[in-house]
């Protein structure tokens, strides 16, 4: 009986994780503000929030963010 409850709990938790949405997006621009604006536009288009995970500046900005619904 205990193994059935454990199995049911595992199934329930695995379906919860599939319900969330996460995607990685990138943007390039000349300034940090412009790159973040592009990330924000992508997030708004998908109805998600974003968290910037990386930004590099080398003759321009390359920014990566994680979108979360």
PDB file of N, CA and C in Angstrom:
ATOM      1  N   UNK A   1       0.823  -1.194   0.000  1.00  0.00           N
ATOM      2  CA  UNK A   1       0.000   0.000   0.000  1.00  0.00           C
ATOM      3  C   UNK A   1       0.864   1.254   0.000  1.00  0.00           C
ATOM      4  N   UNK A   2       1.993   1.191   0.761  1.00  0.00           N
ATOM      5  CA  UNK A   2       2.882   2.339   0.823  1.00  0.00           C
ATOM      6  C   UNK A   2       3.499   2.631  -0.545  1.00  0.00           C
ATOM      7  N   UNK A   3       3.834   1.586  -1.295  1.00  0.00           N
ATOM      8  CA  UNK A   3       4.431   1.789  -2.617  1.00  0.00           C
ATOM      9  C   UNK A   3       3.433   2.406  -3.590  1.00  0.00           C
ATOM     10  N   UNK A   4       2.151   2.095  -3.452  1.00  0.00           N
ATOM     11  CA  UNK A   4       1.130   2.695  -4.314  1.00  0.00           C
ATOM     12  C   UNK A   4       1.008   4.186  -4.032  1.00  0.00           C
ATOM     13  N   UNK A   5       1.041   4.572  -2.764  1.00  0.00           N
ATOM     14  CA  UNK A   5       0.979   5.989  -2.407  1.00  0.00           C
ATOM     15  C   UNK A   5       2.210   6.732  -2.916  1.00  0.00           C
ATOM     16  N   UNK A   6       3.369   6.106  -2.790  1.00  0.00           N
ATOM     17  CA  UNK A   6       4.600   6.725  -3.284  1.00  0.00           C
ATOM     18  C   UNK A   6       4.541   6.902  -4.791  1.00  0.00           C
ATOM     19  N   UNK A   7       4.089   5.884  -5.503  1.00  0.00           N
ATOM     20  CA  UNK A   7       3.965   5.958  -6.953  1.00  0.00           C
ATOM     21  C   UNK A   7       2.985   7.057  -7.360  1.00  0.00           C
ATOM     22  N   UNK A   8       1.857   7.145  -6.663  1.00  0.00           N
ATOM     23  CA  UNK A   8       0.869   8.185  -6.960  1.00  0.00           C
ATOM     24  C   UNK A   8       1.448   9.571  -6.718  1.00  0.00           C
ATOM     25  N   UNK A   9       2.233   9.734  -5.654  1.00  0.00           N
ATOM     26  CA  UNK A   9       2.850  11.030  -5.362  1.00  0.00           C
ATOM     27  C   UNK A   9       3.847  11.412  -6.450  1.00  0.00           C
ATOM     28  N   UNK A  10       4.616  10.442  -6.930  1.00  0.00           N
ATOM     29  CA  UNK A  10       5.595  10.711  -7.992  1.00  0.00           C
ATOM     30  C   UNK A  10       4.891  11.128  -9.276  1.00  0.00           C
ATOM     31  N   UNK A  11       3.830  10.447  -9.622  1.00  0.00           N
ATOM     32  CA  UNK A  11       3.055  10.792 -10.821  1.00  0.00           C
ATOM     33  C   UNK A  11       2.496  12.212 -10.697  1.00  0.00           C
ATOM     34  N   UNK A  12       1.947  12.546  -9.557  1.00  0.00           N
ATOM     35  CA  UNK A  12       1.365  13.870  -9.354  1.00  0.00           C
ATOM     36  C   UNK A  12       2.431  14.960  -9.468  1.00  0.00           C
ATOM     37  N   UNK A  13       3.576  14.755  -8.847  1.00  0.00           N
ATOM     38  CA  UNK A  13       4.637  15.760  -8.897  1.00  0.00           C
ATOM     39  C   UNK A  13       5.215  15.904 -10.300  1.00  0.00           C
ATOM     40  N   UNK A  14       5.289  14.840 -11.050  1.00  0.00           N
ATOM     41  CA  UNK A  14       5.825  14.935 -12.405  1.00  0.00           C
ATOM     42  C   UNK A  14       4.871  15.683 -13.331  1.00  0.00           C
ATOM     43  N   UNK A  15       3.579  15.550 -13.132  1.00  0.00           N
ATOM     44  CA  UNK A  15       2.634  16.285 -13.970  1.00  0.00           C
ATOM     45  C   UNK A  15       2.617  17.760 -13.611  1.00  0.00           C
ATOM     46  N   UNK A  16       2.887  18.110 -12.374  1.00  0.00           N
ATOM     47  CA  UNK A  16       2.947  19.519 -11.976  1.00  0.00           C
ATOM     48  C   UNK A  16       4.106  20.202 -12.672  1.00  0.00           C
ATOM     49  N   UNK A  17       5.244  19.558 -12.778  1.00  0.00           N
ATOM     50  CA  UNK A  17       6.406  20.176 -13.407  1.00  0.00           C
ATOM     51  C   UNK A  17       6.178  20.407 -14.896  1.00  0.00           C
ATOM     52  N   UNK A  18       5.380  19.564 -15.555  1.00  0.00           N
ATOM     53  CA  UNK A  18       5.091  19.765 -16.961  1.00  0.00           C
ATOM     54  C   UNK A  18       4.137  20.931 -17.183  1.00  0.00           C
ATOM     55  N   UNK A  19       3.436  21.362 -16.166  1.00  0.00           N
ATOM     56  CA  UNK A  19       2.506  22.473 -16.297  1.00  0.00           C
ATOM     57  C   UNK A  19       3.179  23.824 -16.357  1.00  0.00           C
ATOM     58  N   UNK A  20       4.411  23.921 -15.886  1.00  0.00           N
ATOM     59  CA  UNK A  20       5.108  25.197 -15.927  1.00  0.00           C
ATOM     60  C   UNK A  20       5.843  25.348 -17.259  1.00  0.00           C
ATOM     61  N   UNK A  21       6.215  26.573 -17.561  1.00  0.00           N
ATOM     62  CA  UNK A  21       6.830  26.892 -18.839  1.00  0.00           C
ATOM     63  C   UNK A  21       8.118  27.652 -18.581  1.00  0.00           C
ATOM     64  N   UNK A  22       9.192  27.249 -19.200  1.00  0.00           N
ATOM     65  CA  UNK A  22      10.446  27.990 -19.121  1.00  0.00           C
ATOM     66  C   UNK A  22      11.139  27.902 -20.474  1.00  0.00           C
ATOM     67  N   UNK A  23      11.647  29.025 -20.932  1.00  0.00           N
ATOM     68  CA  UNK A  23      12.349  29.056 -22.204  1.00  0.00           C
ATOM     69  C   UNK A  23      13.490  30.052 -22.106  1.00  0.00           C
ATOM     70  N   UNK A  24      14.544  29.775 -22.812  1.00  0.00           N
ATOM     71  CA  UNK A  24      15.688  30.672 -22.842  1.00  0.00           C
ATOM     72  C   UNK A  24      15.613  31.501 -24.122  1.00  0.00           C
ATOM     73  N   UNK A  25      15.819  32.808 -23.992  1.00  0.00           N
ATOM     74  CA  UNK A  25      15.809  33.701 -25.147  1.00  0.00           C
ATOM     75  C   UNK A  25      17.064  34.565 -25.127  1.00  0.00           C
ATOM     76  N   UNK A  26      17.464  35.048 -26.293  1.00  0.00           N
ATOM     77  CA  UNK A  26      18.621  35.919 -26.395  1.00  0.00           C
ATOM     78  C   UNK A  26      18.276  37.163 -27.189  1.00  0.00           C
ATOM     79  N   UNK A  27      19.063  38.202 -26.980  1.00  0.00           N
ATOM     80  CA  UNK A  27      18.898  39.438 -27.731  1.00  0.00           C
ATOM     81  C   UNK A  27      20.256  40.100 -27.879  1.00  0.00           C
ATOM     82  N   UNK A  28      20.445  40.809 -28.974  1.00  0.00           N
ATOM     83  CA  UNK A  28      21.658  41.587 -29.185  1.00  0.00           C
ATOM     84  C   UNK A  28      21.266  43.023 -29.479  1.00  0.00           C
ATOM     85  N   UNK A  29      22.081  43.949 -29.008  1.00  0.00           N
ATOM     86  CA  UNK A  29      21.839  45.370 -29.221  1.00  0.00           C
ATOM     87  C   UNK A  29      23.134  46.133 -28.948  1.00  0.00           C
ATOM     88  N   UNK A  30      23.077  47.452 -29.109  1.00  0.00           N
ATOM     89  CA  UNK A  30      24.251  48.274 -28.848  1.00  0.00           C
ATOM     90  C   UNK A  30      24.388  48.657 -27.381  1.00  0.00           C
ATOM     91  N   UNK A  31      23.272  48.667 -26.632  1.00  0.00           N
ATOM     92  CA  UNK A  31      23.310  49.044 -25.214  1.00  0.00           C
ATOM     93  C   UNK A  31      22.583  47.998 -24.378  1.00  0.00           C
ATOM     94  N   UNK A  32      22.872  48.016 -23.069  1.00  0.00           N
ATOM     95  CA  UNK A  32      22.182  47.108 -22.148  1.00  0.00           C
ATOM     96  C   UNK A  32      20.682  47.379 -22.130  1.00  0.00           C
ATOM     97  N   UNK A  33      20.308  48.658 -22.117  1.00  0.00           N
ATOM     98  CA  UNK A  33      18.887  49.012 -22.089  1.00  0.00           C
ATOM     99  C   UNK A  33      18.152  48.500 -23.324  1.00  0.00           C
ATOM    100  N   UNK A  34      18.767  48.617 -24.476  1.00  0.00           N
ATOM    101  CA  UNK A  34      18.127  48.159 -25.712  1.00  0.00           C
ATOM    102  C   UNK A  34      17.984  46.640 -25.729  1.00  0.00           C
ATOM    103  N   UNK A  35      19.012  45.940 -25.255  1.00  0.00           N
ATOM    104  CA  UNK A  35      18.936  44.471 -25.209  1.00  0.00           C
ATOM    105  C   UNK A  35      17.861  44.025 -24.227  1.00  0.00           C
ATOM    106  N   UNK A  36      17.784  44.682 -23.064  1.00  0.00           N
ATOM    107  CA  UNK A  36      16.753  44.315 -22.097  1.00  0.00           C
ATOM    108  C   UNK A  36      15.364  44.629 -22.635  1.00  0.00           C
ATOM    109  N   UNK A  37      15.223  45.697 -23.377  1.00  0.00           N
ATOM    110  CA  UNK A  37      13.926  46.026 -23.974  1.00  0.00           C
ATOM    111  C   UNK A  37      13.484  44.934 -24.946  1.00  0.00           C
ATOM    112  N   UNK A  38      14.429  44.384 -25.701  1.00  0.00           N
ATOM    113  CA  UNK A  38      14.091  43.288 -26.623  1.00  0.00           C
ATOM    114  C   UNK A  38      13.664  42.039 -25.847  1.00  0.00           C
ATOM    115  N   UNK A  39      14.364  41.743 -24.751  1.00  0.00           N
ATOM    116  CA  UNK A  39      13.996  40.599 -23.911  1.00  0.00           C
ATOM    117  C   UNK A  39      12.599  40.814 -23.330  1.00  0.00           C
ATOM    118  N   UNK A  40      12.350  42.026 -22.822  1.00  0.00           N
ATOM    119  CA  UNK A  40      11.040  42.341 -22.232  1.00  0.00           C
ATOM    120  C   UNK A  40       9.928  42.205 -23.267  1.00  0.00           C
ATOM    121  N   UNK A  41      10.186  42.615 -24.494  1.00  0.00           N
ATOM    122  CA  UNK A  41       9.177  42.493 -25.557  1.00  0.00           C
ATOM    123  C   UNK A  41       8.877  41.023 -25.862  1.00  0.00           C
ATOM    124  N   UNK A  42       9.914  40.198 -25.891  1.00  0.00           N
ATOM    125  CA  UNK A  42       9.704  38.769 -26.126  1.00  0.00           C
ATOM    126  C   UNK A  42       8.905  38.144 -24.986  1.00  0.00           C
ATOM    127  N   UNK A  43       9.217  38.548 -23.765  1.00  0.00           N
ATOM    128  CA  UNK A  43       8.491  38.013 -22.606  1.00  0.00           C
ATOM    129  C   UNK A  43       7.029  38.438 -22.649  1.00  0.00           C
ATOM    130  N   UNK A  44       6.787  39.699 -22.956  1.00  0.00           N
ATOM    131  CA  UNK A  44       5.403  40.197 -23.015  1.00  0.00           C
ATOM    132  C   UNK A  44       4.622  39.491 -24.116  1.00  0.00           C
ATOM    133  N   UNK A  45       5.265  39.253 -25.245  1.00  0.00           N
ATOM    134  CA  UNK A  45       4.609  38.577 -26.363  1.00  0.00           C
ATOM    135  C   UNK A  45       4.153  37.171 -25.971  1.00  0.00           C
ATOM    136  N   UNK A  46       4.925  36.510 -25.107  1.00  0.00           N
ATOM    137  CA  UNK A  46       4.584  35.152 -24.693  1.00  0.00           C
ATOM    138  C   UNK A  46       3.825  35.120 -23.374  1.00  0.00           C
ATOM    139  N   UNK A  47       3.528  36.291 -22.806  1.00  0.00           N
ATOM    140  CA  UNK A  47       2.794  36.349 -21.549  1.00  0.00           C
ATOM    141  C   UNK A  47       3.586  35.789 -20.387  1.00  0.00           C
ATOM    142  N   UNK A  48       4.872  36.075 -20.339  1.00  0.00           N
ATOM    143  CA  UNK A  48       5.750  35.514 -19.317  1.00  0.00           C
ATOM    144  C   UNK A  48       6.547  36.622 -18.634  1.00  0.00           C
ATOM    145  N   UNK A  49       7.178  36.269 -17.531  1.00  0.00           N
ATOM    146  CA  UNK A  49       8.135  37.158 -16.890  1.00  0.00           C
ATOM    147  C   UNK A  49       9.529  36.680 -17.288  1.00  0.00           C
ATOM    148  N   UNK A  50      10.532  37.501 -17.004  1.00  0.00           N
ATOM    149  CA  UNK A  50      11.870  37.107 -17.392  1.00  0.00           C
ATOM    150  C   UNK A  50      12.880  37.382 -16.286  1.00  0.00           C
ATOM    151  N   UNK A  51      13.981  36.616 -16.339  1.00  0.00           N
ATOM    152  CA  UNK A  51      15.098  36.809 -15.432  1.00  0.00           C
ATOM    153  C   UNK A  51      16.362  36.767 -16.286  1.00  0.00           C
ATOM    154  N   UNK A  52      17.118  37.837 -16.272  1.00  0.00           N
ATOM    155  CA  UNK A  52      18.342  37.896 -17.062  1.00  0.00           C
ATOM    156  C   UNK A  52      19.379  36.970 -16.426  1.00  0.00           C
ATOM    157  N   UNK A  53      19.927  36.088 -17.233  1.00  0.00           N
ATOM    158  CA  UNK A  53      20.895  35.122 -16.728  1.00  0.00           C
ATOM    159  C   UNK A  53      22.323  35.438 -17.155  1.00  0.00           C
ATOM    160  N   UNK A  54      22.483  36.251 -18.210  1.00  0.00           N
ATOM    161  CA  UNK A  54      23.823  36.534 -18.709  1.00  0.00           C
ATOM    162  C   UNK A  54      23.781  37.753 -19.610  1.00  0.00           C
ATOM    163  N   UNK A  55      24.815  38.572 -19.532  1.00  0.00           N
ATOM    164  CA  UNK A  55      24.973  39.703 -20.448  1.00  0.00           C
ATOM    165  C   UNK A  55      26.457  39.919 -20.696  1.00  0.00           C
ATOM    166  N   UNK A  56      26.825  40.033 -21.975  1.00  0.00           N
ATOM    167  CA  UNK A  56      28.205  40.289 -22.374  1.00  0.00           C
ATOM    168  C   UNK A  56      28.264  41.549 -23.204  1.00  0.00           C
ATOM    169  N   UNK A  57      29.331  42.306 -23.012  1.00  0.00           N
ATOM    170  CA  UNK A  57      29.537  43.509 -23.807  1.00  0.00           C
ATOM    171  C   UNK A  57      30.883  43.404 -24.502  1.00  0.00           C
ATOM    172  N   UNK A  58      30.842  43.343 -25.821  1.00  0.00           N
ATOM    173  CA  UNK A  58      32.052  43.309 -26.632  1.00  0.00           C
ATOM    174  C   UNK A  58      31.674  43.874 -27.995  1.00  0.00           C
ATOM    175  N   UNK A  59      31.829  45.183 -28.151  1.00  0.00           N
ATOM    176  CA  UNK A  59      31.376  45.876 -29.364  1.00  0.00           C
ATOM    177  C   UNK A  59      29.883  45.689 -29.575  1.00  0.00           C
ATOM    178  N   UNK A  60      29.131  45.630 -28.517  1.00  0.00           N
ATOM    179  CA  UNK A  60      27.693  45.411 -28.533  1.00  0.00           C
ATOM    180  C   UNK A  60      27.318  44.543 -27.345  1.00  0.00           C
ATOM    181  N   UNK A  61      26.047  44.366 -27.131  1.00  0.00           N
ATOM    182  CA  UNK A  61      25.575  43.593 -25.985  1.00  0.00           C
ATOM    183  C   UNK A  61      24.899  42.323 -26.476  1.00  0.00           C
ATOM    184  N   UNK A  62      25.233  41.225 -25.841  1.00  0.00           N
ATOM    185  CA  UNK A  62      24.541  39.950 -26.063  1.00  0.00           C
ATOM    186  C   UNK A  62      23.961  39.553 -24.712  1.00  0.00           C
ATOM    187  N   UNK A  63      22.650  39.393 -24.654  1.00  0.00           N
ATOM    188  CA  UNK A  63      21.965  39.111 -23.383  1.00  0.00           C
ATOM    189  C   UNK A  63      21.127  37.851 -23.502  1.00  0.00           C
ATOM    190  N   UNK A  64      21.150  37.047 -22.453  1.00  0.00           N
ATOM    191  CA  UNK A  64      20.344  35.828 -22.385  1.00  0.00           C
ATOM    192  C   UNK A  64      19.440  35.924 -21.160  1.00  0.00           C
ATOM    193  N   UNK A  65      18.209  35.463 -21.309  1.00  0.00           N
ATOM    194  CA  UNK A  65      17.255  35.491 -20.196  1.00  0.00           C
ATOM    195  C   UNK A  65      16.412  34.231 -20.212  1.00  0.00           C
ATOM    196  N   UNK A  66      15.865  33.917 -19.060  1.00  0.00           N
ATOM    197  CA  UNK A  66      14.962  32.773 -18.883  1.00  0.00           C
ATOM    198  C   UNK A  66      13.546  33.325 -18.766  1.00  0.00           C
ATOM    199  N   UNK A  67      12.648  32.878 -19.638  1.00  0.00           N
ATOM    200  CA  UNK A  67      11.241  33.265 -19.562  1.00  0.00           C
ATOM    201  C   UNK A  67      10.506  32.245 -18.712  1.00  0.00           C
ATOM    202  N   UNK A  68       9.662  32.736 -17.807  1.00  0.00           N
ATOM    203  CA  UNK A  68       8.915  31.858 -16.920  1.00  0.00           C
ATOM    204  C   UNK A  68       7.455  32.266 -16.940  1.00  0.00           C
ATOM    205  N   UNK A  69       6.578  31.303 -17.139  1.00  0.00           N
ATOM    206  CA  UNK A  69       5.135  31.564 -17.109  1.00  0.00           C
ATOM    207  C   UNK A  69       4.581  31.169 -15.800  1.00  0.00           C
TER     208      UNK A  69
END
